[in-house]
């Protein structure tokens, strides 16, 4: 049997690979190192956005959750979406659930295939990726779901997937940045007009 985790680690060793053969392209990818954790204390990162514009990793079973620690280098609306991927996946990439948490683990936003949120400069946050499982708070309630459910508390675990059938889902998450416009007065012939 092929050990996909070992294969990916061997093929993609390293965490950040610049795009382009000349290494001058501004786009770069953060690649999951072994297996990202499921909770704030075991998340992989710190990933600086917009320096990194793609996150690449794998889910190895329905119970596998990947959580990444990120930091917004400037105030912006950040959109995370499942990108096209040339590697074969047994599970459908379009069903991946994406979750955003603040630095304490409070739920911010969730979506299937894409999610976005308005972040401040130097704000630390977390991106969670699952194949349909929702995060739980300390009361065992769903903390946040792509269907719009939001409860109080912070991330303490994930739903039990029940019977676990081995799967292999290789994903790429594209990060798009929409910088907020700064309103400036219009100047006409040296005079400011409000």
Protein backbone atom coordinates (compact mmCIF):
# COMPACT_ATOMS: atom_id res chain seq x y z
CA UNK A 1 0.00 0.00 0.00
CA UNK A 2 1.27 3.48 -0.86
CA UNK A 3 1.83 5.78 2.12
CA UNK A 4 0.59 9.06 0.61
CA UNK A 5 1.74 11.13 3.57
CA UNK A 6 5.35 9.93 3.17
CA UNK A 7 5.16 10.33 -0.61
CA UNK A 8 3.96 13.96 -0.38
CA UNK A 9 6.52 14.81 2.28
CA UNK A 10 9.26 13.38 0.08
CA UNK A 11 8.03 15.03 -3.13
CA UNK A 12 7.21 18.42 -1.61
CA UNK A 13 9.63 18.64 1.31
CA UNK A 14 9.89 22.15 2.65
CA UNK A 15 7.24 24.60 3.68
CA UNK A 16 7.35 27.45 1.21
CA UNK A 17 8.14 27.05 -2.45
CA UNK A 18 8.35 30.16 -4.67
CA UNK A 19 6.62 29.85 -8.04
CA UNK A 20 8.60 30.09 -11.25
CA UNK A 21 11.98 28.70 -12.15
CA UNK A 22 13.81 31.98 -11.57
CA UNK A 23 12.41 32.41 -8.02
CA UNK A 24 11.54 36.04 -8.78
CA UNK A 25 7.76 35.62 -8.93
CA UNK A 26 5.93 37.23 -6.02
CA UNK A 27 3.50 34.33 -5.59
CA UNK A 28 4.41 31.51 -3.24
CA UNK A 29 2.89 28.43 -1.64
CA UNK A 30 2.91 27.15 1.93
CA UNK A 31 3.01 23.35 1.83
CA UNK A 32 1.73 21.33 4.76
CA UNK A 33 4.64 19.71 6.62
CA UNK A 34 3.62 16.13 7.53
CA UNK A 35 0.11 16.70 8.99
CA UNK A 36 -1.29 19.99 10.27
CA UNK A 37 -2.96 19.80 13.68
CA UNK A 38 -6.67 20.16 14.42
CA UNK A 39 -6.53 22.68 17.28
CA UNK A 40 -5.06 26.15 17.84
CA UNK A 41 -2.15 24.69 19.85
CA UNK A 42 -1.14 22.31 17.02
CA UNK A 43 -1.80 24.47 13.94
CA UNK A 44 0.90 24.84 11.28
CA UNK A 45 2.27 28.25 10.38
CA UNK A 46 2.79 31.24 10.88
CA UNK A 47 1.84 32.02 7.29
CA UNK A 48 2.21 35.67 6.24
CA UNK A 49 -0.51 36.91 3.87
CA UNK A 50 -0.09 38.30 1.16
CA UNK A 51 3.50 36.98 0.98
CA UNK A 52 1.97 33.49 0.71
CA UNK A 53 -0.97 33.22 -1.70
CA UNK A 54 -1.61 29.45 -1.74
CA UNK A 55 -1.81 26.75 0.92
CA UNK A 56 -1.33 23.15 -0.20
CA UNK A 57 -1.92 20.01 1.84
CA UNK A 58 -3.78 16.74 2.20
CA UNK A 59 -6.55 15.14 4.21
CA UNK A 60 -5.92 11.44 4.81
CA UNK A 61 -9.32 10.43 6.25
CA UNK A 62 -12.73 11.99 6.95
CA UNK A 63 -11.49 12.58 10.52
CA UNK A 64 -8.41 14.53 9.34
CA UNK A 65 -8.68 18.29 9.89
CA UNK A 66 -5.93 20.73 8.88
CA UNK A 67 -5.56 24.00 10.79
CA UNK A 68 -3.15 26.77 9.75
CA UNK A 69 -2.05 29.88 11.63
CA UNK A 70 -1.95 33.00 9.42
CA UNK A 71 -1.20 36.67 9.82
CA UNK A 72 -2.53 39.47 7.64
CA UNK A 73 0.33 41.84 6.79
CA UNK A 74 -2.12 44.63 5.95
CA UNK A 75 -5.77 45.52 6.42
CA UNK A 76 -7.71 43.65 3.77
CA UNK A 77 -10.63 41.41 2.96
CA UNK A 78 -9.10 37.94 2.46
CA UNK A 79 -10.90 35.30 0.44
CA UNK A 80 -9.87 31.64 0.68
CA UNK A 81 -11.11 29.26 -2.02
CA UNK A 82 -10.42 25.70 -3.11
CA UNK A 83 -8.27 25.94 -6.26
CA UNK A 84 -8.05 23.53 -9.18
CA UNK A 85 -5.62 20.74 -8.42
CA UNK A 86 -3.91 18.41 -10.89
CA UNK A 87 -3.42 15.61 -8.32
CA UNK A 88 -6.04 12.88 -8.07
CA UNK A 89 -8.35 13.05 -5.06
CA UNK A 90 -10.74 10.31 -4.03
CA UNK A 91 -12.96 12.86 -2.27
CA UNK A 92 -14.56 15.78 -4.08
CA UNK A 93 -12.65 19.03 -3.59
CA UNK A 94 -15.86 21.03 -3.96
CA UNK A 95 -17.16 19.54 -0.69
CA UNK A 96 -14.28 20.83 1.44
CA UNK A 97 -15.43 23.05 4.30
CA UNK A 98 -13.30 26.10 5.15
CA UNK A 99 -13.42 27.79 8.57
CA UNK A 100 -11.87 30.99 9.92
CA UNK A 101 -11.12 31.50 13.63
CA UNK A 102 -9.64 34.42 15.55
CA UNK A 103 -6.43 34.01 17.58
CA UNK A 104 -8.38 32.66 20.58
CA UNK A 105 -10.32 30.11 18.48
CA UNK A 106 -13.63 32.00 18.25
CA UNK A 107 -15.47 31.28 14.99
CA UNK A 108 -15.43 34.10 12.41
CA UNK A 109 -16.76 32.62 9.15
CA UNK A 110 -17.33 29.33 7.33
CA UNK A 111 -18.12 28.15 3.83
CA UNK A 112 -18.11 25.20 1.46
CA UNK A 113 -15.39 25.70 -1.16
CA UNK A 114 -14.71 29.31 -0.15
CA UNK A 115 -14.78 31.70 2.80
CA UNK A 116 -13.71 35.29 3.41
CA UNK A 117 -13.32 37.82 6.20
CA UNK A 118 -12.10 41.38 6.76
CA UNK A 119 -8.81 41.31 8.70
CA UNK A 120 -6.78 44.10 10.32
CA UNK A 121 -3.06 44.70 9.77
CA UNK A 122 -0.91 42.19 11.72
CA UNK A 123 -4.00 40.22 12.83
CA UNK A 124 -3.38 36.56 13.67
CA UNK A 125 -6.11 34.11 12.68
CA UNK A 126 -6.60 30.45 11.75
CA UNK A 127 -7.88 28.62 8.66
CA UNK A 128 -9.42 25.19 9.19
CA UNK A 129 -10.01 22.69 6.37
CA UNK A 130 -12.24 19.64 6.70
CA UNK A 131 -14.14 17.23 4.48
CA UNK A 132 -17.52 18.08 6.01
CA UNK A 133 -16.89 18.02 9.78
CA UNK A 134 -17.77 21.09 11.85
CA UNK A 135 -15.79 22.54 14.79
CA UNK A 136 -17.13 22.17 18.34
CA UNK A 137 -16.99 24.42 21.41
CA UNK A 138 -16.39 23.26 25.01
CA UNK A 139 -20.13 22.48 25.46
CA UNK A 140 -19.93 20.04 22.52
CA UNK A 141 -22.06 22.32 20.32
CA UNK A 142 -21.25 23.12 16.71
CA UNK A 143 -19.20 26.33 16.99
CA UNK A 144 -19.48 27.32 13.35
CA UNK A 145 -20.90 25.69 10.22
CA UNK A 146 -21.00 26.49 6.50
CA UNK A 147 -24.80 26.47 6.81
CA UNK A 148 -24.63 29.58 9.03
CA UNK A 149 -24.77 28.06 12.52
CA UNK A 150 -22.74 30.09 15.03
CA UNK A 151 -22.45 29.45 18.78
CA UNK A 152 -20.40 31.08 21.52
CA UNK A 153 -17.15 29.68 22.79
CA UNK A 154 -13.88 28.69 21.19
CA UNK A 155 -12.60 25.75 19.15
CA UNK A 156 -12.07 22.69 21.40
CA UNK A 157 -12.58 19.84 18.93
CA UNK A 158 -14.35 18.59 15.81
CA UNK A 159 -17.40 16.42 15.13
CA UNK A 160 -16.93 12.66 15.30
CA UNK A 161 -16.95 11.32 11.72
CA UNK A 162 -18.31 7.93 12.81
CA UNK A 163 -16.95 5.11 10.66
CA UNK A 164 -13.68 6.24 9.08
CA UNK A 165 -12.94 5.04 5.56
CA UNK A 166 -9.43 5.96 4.38
CA UNK A 167 -9.47 8.70 1.74
CA UNK A 168 -6.84 10.88 0.19
CA UNK A 169 -7.76 14.45 -0.67
CA UNK A 170 -4.99 16.73 -1.89
CA UNK A 171 -6.06 20.39 -1.86
CA UNK A 172 -4.82 23.82 -2.83
CA UNK A 173 -6.38 26.84 -1.17
CA UNK A 174 -5.99 30.10 -3.10
CA UNK A 175 -5.78 33.32 -1.07
CA UNK A 176 -7.13 36.45 -2.75
CA UNK A 177 -6.64 39.91 -1.29
CA UNK A 178 -9.00 42.84 -1.67
CA UNK A 179 -7.31 45.89 -0.14
CA UNK A 180 -9.71 48.36 1.41
CA UNK A 181 -9.85 51.69 -0.40
CA UNK A 182 -8.72 54.74 1.56
CA UNK A 183 -10.90 57.77 1.00
CA UNK A 184 -8.89 60.90 0.13
CA UNK A 185 -10.18 64.39 -0.67
CA UNK A 186 -10.27 65.34 -4.36
CA UNK A 187 -7.89 68.20 -5.25
CA UNK A 188 -8.77 70.59 -8.07
CA UNK A 189 -6.19 73.21 -9.08
CA UNK A 190 -4.50 73.17 -5.70
CA UNK A 191 -7.72 73.43 -3.64
CA UNK A 192 -9.09 70.51 -1.64
CA UNK A 193 -12.71 69.60 -2.33
CA UNK A 194 -14.52 67.41 0.19
